[in-house]
């Protein structure tokens, strides 16, 4: 699935995104890409630069959908089950661009499903290291299905201390369905 993970660059910085199947839309975090109408640059796994526009934005769930203006590669499947069928103790992996290092992979376990994050919304808690630049990338199960979108860490110091949070696949499906 690493070929479906892209880097998202804005004038303010960079994060990650995931190409979704079947429409080729890219899911990322709203705090990475900005509000609807914003223009960003997507860097694909094979290092192509493709402009994209934010076509949907949900600040409450920290999600944004990008429509690329060109081919960005094959998308991944989003886990269709409620809560992506995740359970405490399931192994997951995160792929993103922490510190600008594209397609970096970290592995961890699910600590909780539907844990209230800082905003009160249901989140996946994982100990997979999530660092600056991972935001908007993918949290995947062992079958390579997208189960969440890493969005934040809870840390008293800069860096990962084993408490990361991801927006659920249920929220990802909802925002993608809103794009006509």
C-alpha atoms as a PDB file:
ATOM      1  CA  UNK A   1       0.000   0.000   0.000  1.00  0.00           C
ATOM      2  CA  UNK A   2       2.981   2.331   0.240  1.00  0.00           C
ATOM      3  CA  UNK A   3       2.489   3.436  -3.378  1.00  0.00           C
ATOM      4  CA  UNK A   4      -0.909   4.888  -2.377  1.00  0.00           C
ATOM      5  CA  UNK A   5       0.587   7.114   0.324  1.00  0.00           C
ATOM      6  CA  UNK A   6       1.542  10.585  -0.891  1.00  0.00           C
ATOM      7  CA  UNK A   7       3.165  13.650   0.551  1.00  0.00           C
ATOM      8  CA  UNK A   8       0.956  16.752   0.728  1.00  0.00           C
ATOM      9  CA  UNK A   9       2.769  20.093   0.484  1.00  0.00           C
ATOM     10  CA  UNK A  10       1.282  23.475   1.244  1.00  0.00           C
ATOM     11  CA  UNK A  11       2.788  26.925   1.566  1.00  0.00           C
ATOM     12  CA  UNK A  12       2.953  26.353   5.336  1.00  0.00           C
ATOM     13  CA  UNK A  13       4.528  22.899   5.438  1.00  0.00           C
ATOM     14  CA  UNK A  14       3.901  19.289   4.601  1.00  0.00           C
ATOM     15  CA  UNK A  15       2.010  16.213   5.723  1.00  0.00           C
ATOM     16  CA  UNK A  16       0.743  13.016   4.183  1.00  0.00           C
ATOM     17  CA  UNK A  17      -2.300  11.675   2.350  1.00  0.00           C
ATOM     18  CA  UNK A  18      -3.710   8.405   1.043  1.00  0.00           C
ATOM     19  CA  UNK A  19      -5.134   7.729  -2.417  1.00  0.00           C
ATOM     20  CA  UNK A  20      -8.460   5.938  -2.010  1.00  0.00           C
ATOM     21  CA  UNK A  21     -10.150   3.461  -4.295  1.00  0.00           C
ATOM     22  CA  UNK A  22     -12.081   3.530  -6.591  1.00  0.00           C
ATOM     23  CA  UNK A  23     -12.225   7.263  -7.446  1.00  0.00           C
ATOM     24  CA  UNK A  24      -8.611   8.280  -6.840  1.00  0.00           C
ATOM     25  CA  UNK A  25      -9.516  10.940  -4.293  1.00  0.00           C
ATOM     26  CA  UNK A  26      -6.921  11.607  -1.581  1.00  0.00           C
ATOM     27  CA  UNK A  27      -7.835  11.636   2.104  1.00  0.00           C
ATOM     28  CA  UNK A  28      -5.725  13.732   4.483  1.00  0.00           C
ATOM     29  CA  UNK A  29      -6.135  15.890   7.581  1.00  0.00           C
ATOM     30  CA  UNK A  30      -7.773  19.286   7.434  1.00  0.00           C
ATOM     31  CA  UNK A  31      -4.919  20.723   9.486  1.00  0.00           C
ATOM     32  CA  UNK A  32      -2.537  19.537   6.717  1.00  0.00           C
ATOM     33  CA  UNK A  33      -4.404  20.665   3.581  1.00  0.00           C
ATOM     34  CA  UNK A  34      -6.627  23.505   4.770  1.00  0.00           C
ATOM     35  CA  UNK A  35     -10.223  24.371   4.019  1.00  0.00           C
ATOM     36  CA  UNK A  36     -12.268  23.656   0.912  1.00  0.00           C
ATOM     37  CA  UNK A  37     -10.902  25.424  -2.157  1.00  0.00           C
ATOM     38  CA  UNK A  38      -7.272  25.415  -1.038  1.00  0.00           C
ATOM     39  CA  UNK A  39      -4.652  24.343  -3.577  1.00  0.00           C
ATOM     40  CA  UNK A  40      -1.877  21.934  -2.571  1.00  0.00           C
ATOM     41  CA  UNK A  41       0.889  19.961  -4.232  1.00  0.00           C
ATOM     42  CA  UNK A  42       0.900  16.175  -3.973  1.00  0.00           C
ATOM     43  CA  UNK A  43       4.151  14.235  -4.337  1.00  0.00           C
ATOM     44  CA  UNK A  44       3.519  10.624  -5.325  1.00  0.00           C
ATOM     45  CA  UNK A  45       5.489   7.569  -4.210  1.00  0.00           C
ATOM     46  CA  UNK A  46       7.331   7.646  -7.563  1.00  0.00           C
ATOM     47  CA  UNK A  47       8.230  11.322  -6.956  1.00  0.00           C
ATOM     48  CA  UNK A  48       5.820  12.965  -9.408  1.00  0.00           C
ATOM     49  CA  UNK A  49       4.351  16.338  -8.455  1.00  0.00           C
ATOM     50  CA  UNK A  50       0.612  16.636  -9.060  1.00  0.00           C
ATOM     51  CA  UNK A  51      -1.442  19.722  -8.138  1.00  0.00           C
ATOM     52  CA  UNK A  52      -4.649  19.072  -6.188  1.00  0.00           C
ATOM     53  CA  UNK A  53      -7.558  21.028  -4.727  1.00  0.00           C
ATOM     54  CA  UNK A  54      -9.362  20.511  -1.425  1.00  0.00           C
ATOM     55  CA  UNK A  55     -12.909  19.526  -2.467  1.00  0.00           C
ATOM     56  CA  UNK A  56     -14.255  18.683   1.000  1.00  0.00           C
ATOM     57  CA  UNK A  57     -13.198  19.727   4.467  1.00  0.00           C
ATOM     58  CA  UNK A  58     -14.391  18.766   7.952  1.00  0.00           C
ATOM     59  CA  UNK A  59     -12.538  20.681  10.671  1.00  0.00           C
ATOM     60  CA  UNK A  60     -14.485  18.947  13.473  1.00  0.00           C
ATOM     61  CA  UNK A  61     -13.108  15.548  12.397  1.00  0.00           C
ATOM     62  CA  UNK A  62      -9.835  16.966  11.013  1.00  0.00           C
ATOM     63  CA  UNK A  63     -10.372  15.481   7.558  1.00  0.00           C
ATOM     64  CA  UNK A  64     -10.015  16.867   4.045  1.00  0.00           C
ATOM     65  CA  UNK A  65     -10.486  15.343   0.592  1.00  0.00           C
ATOM     66  CA  UNK A  66      -8.184  16.295  -2.276  1.00  0.00           C
ATOM     67  CA  UNK A  67      -9.020  15.977  -5.947  1.00  0.00           C
ATOM     68  CA  UNK A  68      -5.767  15.576  -7.887  1.00  0.00           C
ATOM     69  CA  UNK A  69      -5.377  17.210 -11.305  1.00  0.00           C
ATOM     70  CA  UNK A  70      -3.701  14.128 -12.758  1.00  0.00           C
ATOM     71  CA  UNK A  71      -2.932  10.512 -12.040  1.00  0.00           C
ATOM     72  CA  UNK A  72      -1.605   9.762  -8.555  1.00  0.00           C
ATOM     73  CA  UNK A  73      -1.659   5.965  -8.655  1.00  0.00           C
ATOM     74  CA  UNK A  74      -3.884   3.167  -7.506  1.00  0.00           C
ATOM     75  CA  UNK A  75      -5.924   3.674  -4.357  1.00  0.00           C
ATOM     76  CA  UNK A  76      -6.362   1.526  -1.274  1.00  0.00           C
ATOM     77  CA  UNK A  77      -9.472  -0.128   0.082  1.00  0.00           C
ATOM     78  CA  UNK A  78     -11.062   1.392   3.167  1.00  0.00           C
ATOM     79  CA  UNK A  79     -12.042  -1.263   5.715  1.00  0.00           C
ATOM     80  CA  UNK A  80     -15.838  -1.560   5.277  1.00  0.00           C
ATOM     81  CA  UNK A  81     -16.778  -2.962   8.679  1.00  0.00           C
ATOM     82  CA  UNK A  82     -17.977  -0.721  11.536  1.00  0.00           C
ATOM     83  CA  UNK A  83     -14.908   0.531  13.426  1.00  0.00           C
ATOM     84  CA  UNK A  84     -12.868  -1.256  10.691  1.00  0.00           C
ATOM     85  CA  UNK A  85     -13.379  -4.423  12.800  1.00  0.00           C
ATOM     86  CA  UNK A  86     -10.496  -3.245  15.011  1.00  0.00           C
ATOM     87  CA  UNK A  87     -10.046  -4.569  18.529  1.00  0.00           C
ATOM     88  CA  UNK A  88      -7.666  -3.694  21.312  1.00  0.00           C
ATOM     89  CA  UNK A  89      -4.384  -5.524  20.675  1.00  0.00           C
ATOM     90  CA  UNK A  90      -4.706  -5.636  16.868  1.00  0.00           C
ATOM     91  CA  UNK A  91      -1.481  -4.850  15.069  1.00  0.00           C
ATOM     92  CA  UNK A  92      -1.515  -1.838  12.713  1.00  0.00           C
ATOM     93  CA  UNK A  93       1.052   0.124  10.752  1.00  0.00           C
ATOM     94  CA  UNK A  94       1.269   3.794   9.847  1.00  0.00           C
ATOM     95  CA  UNK A  95       2.766   5.070   6.610  1.00  0.00           C
ATOM     96  CA  UNK A  96       3.496   8.733   6.062  1.00  0.00           C
ATOM     97  CA  UNK A  97       6.162  11.369   5.590  1.00  0.00           C
ATOM     98  CA  UNK A  98       7.425  12.228   9.076  1.00  0.00           C
ATOM     99  CA  UNK A  99       9.991  15.015   8.915  1.00  0.00           C
ATOM    100  CA  UNK A 100       9.658  14.872   5.096  1.00  0.00           C
ATOM    101  CA  UNK A 101      10.898  11.250   4.858  1.00  0.00           C
ATOM    102  CA  UNK A 102       8.407   9.788   2.376  1.00  0.00           C
ATOM    103  CA  UNK A 103       6.910   6.329   2.895  1.00  0.00           C
ATOM    104  CA  UNK A 104       8.241   5.842   6.401  1.00  0.00           C
ATOM    105  CA  UNK A 105       6.561   2.882   8.098  1.00  0.00           C
ATOM    106  CA  UNK A 106       5.954   2.413  11.816  1.00  0.00           C
ATOM    107  CA  UNK A 107       4.227  -0.504  13.531  1.00  0.00           C
ATOM    108  CA  UNK A 108       2.126  -0.651  16.663  1.00  0.00           C
ATOM    109  CA  UNK A 109      -0.946  -2.035  18.329  1.00  0.00           C
ATOM    110  CA  UNK A 110      -4.407  -0.629  18.842  1.00  0.00           C
ATOM    111  CA  UNK A 111      -4.801   0.499  22.443  1.00  0.00           C
ATOM    112  CA  UNK A 112      -8.433   1.574  22.104  1.00  0.00           C
ATOM    113  CA  UNK A 113     -11.138   1.996  19.482  1.00  0.00           C
ATOM    114  CA  UNK A 114     -13.516   4.954  19.763  1.00  0.00           C
ATOM    115  CA  UNK A 115     -11.504   6.638  22.516  1.00  0.00           C
ATOM    116  CA  UNK A 116     -12.436  10.290  22.874  1.00  0.00           C
ATOM    117  CA  UNK A 117      -9.583  12.422  21.594  1.00  0.00           C
ATOM    118  CA  UNK A 118      -8.813  15.999  22.672  1.00  0.00           C
ATOM    119  CA  UNK A 119     -11.796  17.266  20.676  1.00  0.00           C
ATOM    120  CA  UNK A 120     -14.137  14.640  22.129  1.00  0.00           C
ATOM    121  CA  UNK A 121     -14.587  12.856  18.790  1.00  0.00           C
ATOM    122  CA  UNK A 122     -14.077   9.056  18.635  1.00  0.00           C
ATOM    123  CA  UNK A 123     -10.535   8.128  17.673  1.00  0.00           C
ATOM    124  CA  UNK A 124      -8.308   5.077  17.334  1.00  0.00           C
ATOM    125  CA  UNK A 125      -5.522   5.115  19.928  1.00  0.00           C
ATOM    126  CA  UNK A 126      -2.323   3.372  18.860  1.00  0.00           C
ATOM    127  CA  UNK A 127       1.272   3.146  19.982  1.00  0.00           C
ATOM    128  CA  UNK A 128       2.508   3.189  16.357  1.00  0.00           C
ATOM    129  CA  UNK A 129       4.872   6.177  16.343  1.00  0.00           C
ATOM    130  CA  UNK A 130       3.211   9.205  14.759  1.00  0.00           C
ATOM    131  CA  UNK A 131       5.539  12.157  14.241  1.00  0.00           C
ATOM    132  CA  UNK A 132       5.228  15.556  12.549  1.00  0.00           C
ATOM    133  CA  UNK A 133       4.526  14.876   8.864  1.00  0.00           C
ATOM    134  CA  UNK A 134       2.686  11.578   9.519  1.00  0.00           C
ATOM    135  CA  UNK A 135      -0.564  13.530   9.817  1.00  0.00           C
ATOM    136  CA  UNK A 136      -2.950  12.650   7.016  1.00  0.00           C
ATOM    137  CA  UNK A 137      -1.168   9.433   6.120  1.00  0.00           C
ATOM    138  CA  UNK A 138      -2.602   5.987   6.550  1.00  0.00           C
ATOM    139  CA  UNK A 139      -3.148   3.653   9.457  1.00  0.00           C
ATOM    140  CA  UNK A 140      -3.497   0.180   7.926  1.00  0.00           C
ATOM    141  CA  UNK A 141      -4.449  -3.278   9.134  1.00  0.00           C
ATOM    142  CA  UNK A 142      -2.376  -6.344   8.266  1.00  0.00           C
ATOM    143  CA  UNK A 143      -4.479  -6.873   5.110  1.00  0.00           C
ATOM    144  CA  UNK A 144      -3.419  -3.463   3.800  1.00  0.00           C
ATOM    145  CA  UNK A 145      -6.823  -1.846   4.300  1.00  0.00           C
ATOM    146  CA  UNK A 146      -7.088   1.742   5.489  1.00  0.00           C
ATOM    147  CA  UNK A 147      -8.470   1.678   9.048  1.00  0.00           C
ATOM    148  CA  UNK A 148      -7.701   5.260  10.060  1.00  0.00           C
ATOM    149  CA  UNK A 149      -5.906   8.524   9.358  1.00  0.00           C
ATOM    150  CA  UNK A 150      -3.213   9.542  11.882  1.00  0.00           C
ATOM    151  CA  UNK A 151      -3.916  13.014  13.165  1.00  0.00           C
ATOM    152  CA  UNK A 152      -2.150  13.699  16.450  1.00  0.00           C
ATOM    153  CA  UNK A 153       0.025  12.568  19.310  1.00  0.00           C
ATOM    154  CA  UNK A 154      -0.475  13.207  22.977  1.00  0.00           C
ATOM    155  CA  UNK A 155       2.922  14.120  24.334  1.00  0.00           C
ATOM    156  CA  UNK A 156       4.287  16.316  27.116  1.00  0.00           C
ATOM    157  CA  UNK A 157       7.440  16.831  25.007  1.00  0.00           C
ATOM    158  CA  UNK A 158       7.964  17.201  21.249  1.00  0.00           C
ATOM    159  CA  UNK A 159       7.974  13.765  19.612  1.00  0.00           C
ATOM    160  CA  UNK A 160       6.182  10.486  20.013  1.00  0.00           C
ATOM    161  CA  UNK A 161       5.836   8.831  23.397  1.00  0.00           C
ATOM    162  CA  UNK A 162       3.543   6.001  22.338  1.00  0.00           C
ATOM    163  CA  UNK A 163       0.146   7.686  22.406  1.00  0.00           C
ATOM    164  CA  UNK A 164      -1.037   8.437  18.874  1.00  0.00           C
ATOM    165  CA  UNK A 165      -4.529   9.056  17.585  1.00  0.00           C
ATOM    166  CA  UNK A 166      -6.141   8.389  14.215  1.00  0.00           C
ATOM    167  CA  UNK A 167      -9.504   9.421  12.774  1.00  0.00           C
ATOM    168  CA  UNK A 168     -11.626   6.307  12.197  1.00  0.00           C
ATOM    169  CA  UNK A 169     -12.363   4.684   8.830  1.00  0.00           C
ATOM    170  CA  UNK A 170     -16.075   5.356   9.502  1.00  0.00           C
ATOM    171  CA  UNK A 171     -15.403   9.112   9.413  1.00  0.00           C
ATOM    172  CA  UNK A 172     -13.222   8.716   6.315  1.00  0.00           C
ATOM    173  CA  UNK A 173     -16.046   6.931   4.467  1.00  0.00           C
ATOM    174  CA  UNK A 174     -18.551   9.633   5.458  1.00  0.00           C
ATOM    175  CA  UNK A 175     -16.494  12.519   4.090  1.00  0.00           C
ATOM    176  CA  UNK A 176     -15.634  10.648   0.872  1.00  0.00           C
ATOM    177  CA  UNK A 177     -19.347   9.899   0.316  1.00  0.00           C
ATOM    178  CA  UNK A 178     -20.088  13.642   0.619  1.00  0.00           C
ATOM    179  CA  UNK A 179     -17.962  14.401  -2.473  1.00  0.00           C
ATOM    180  CA  UNK A 180     -20.091  14.324  -5.609  1.00  0.00           C
END
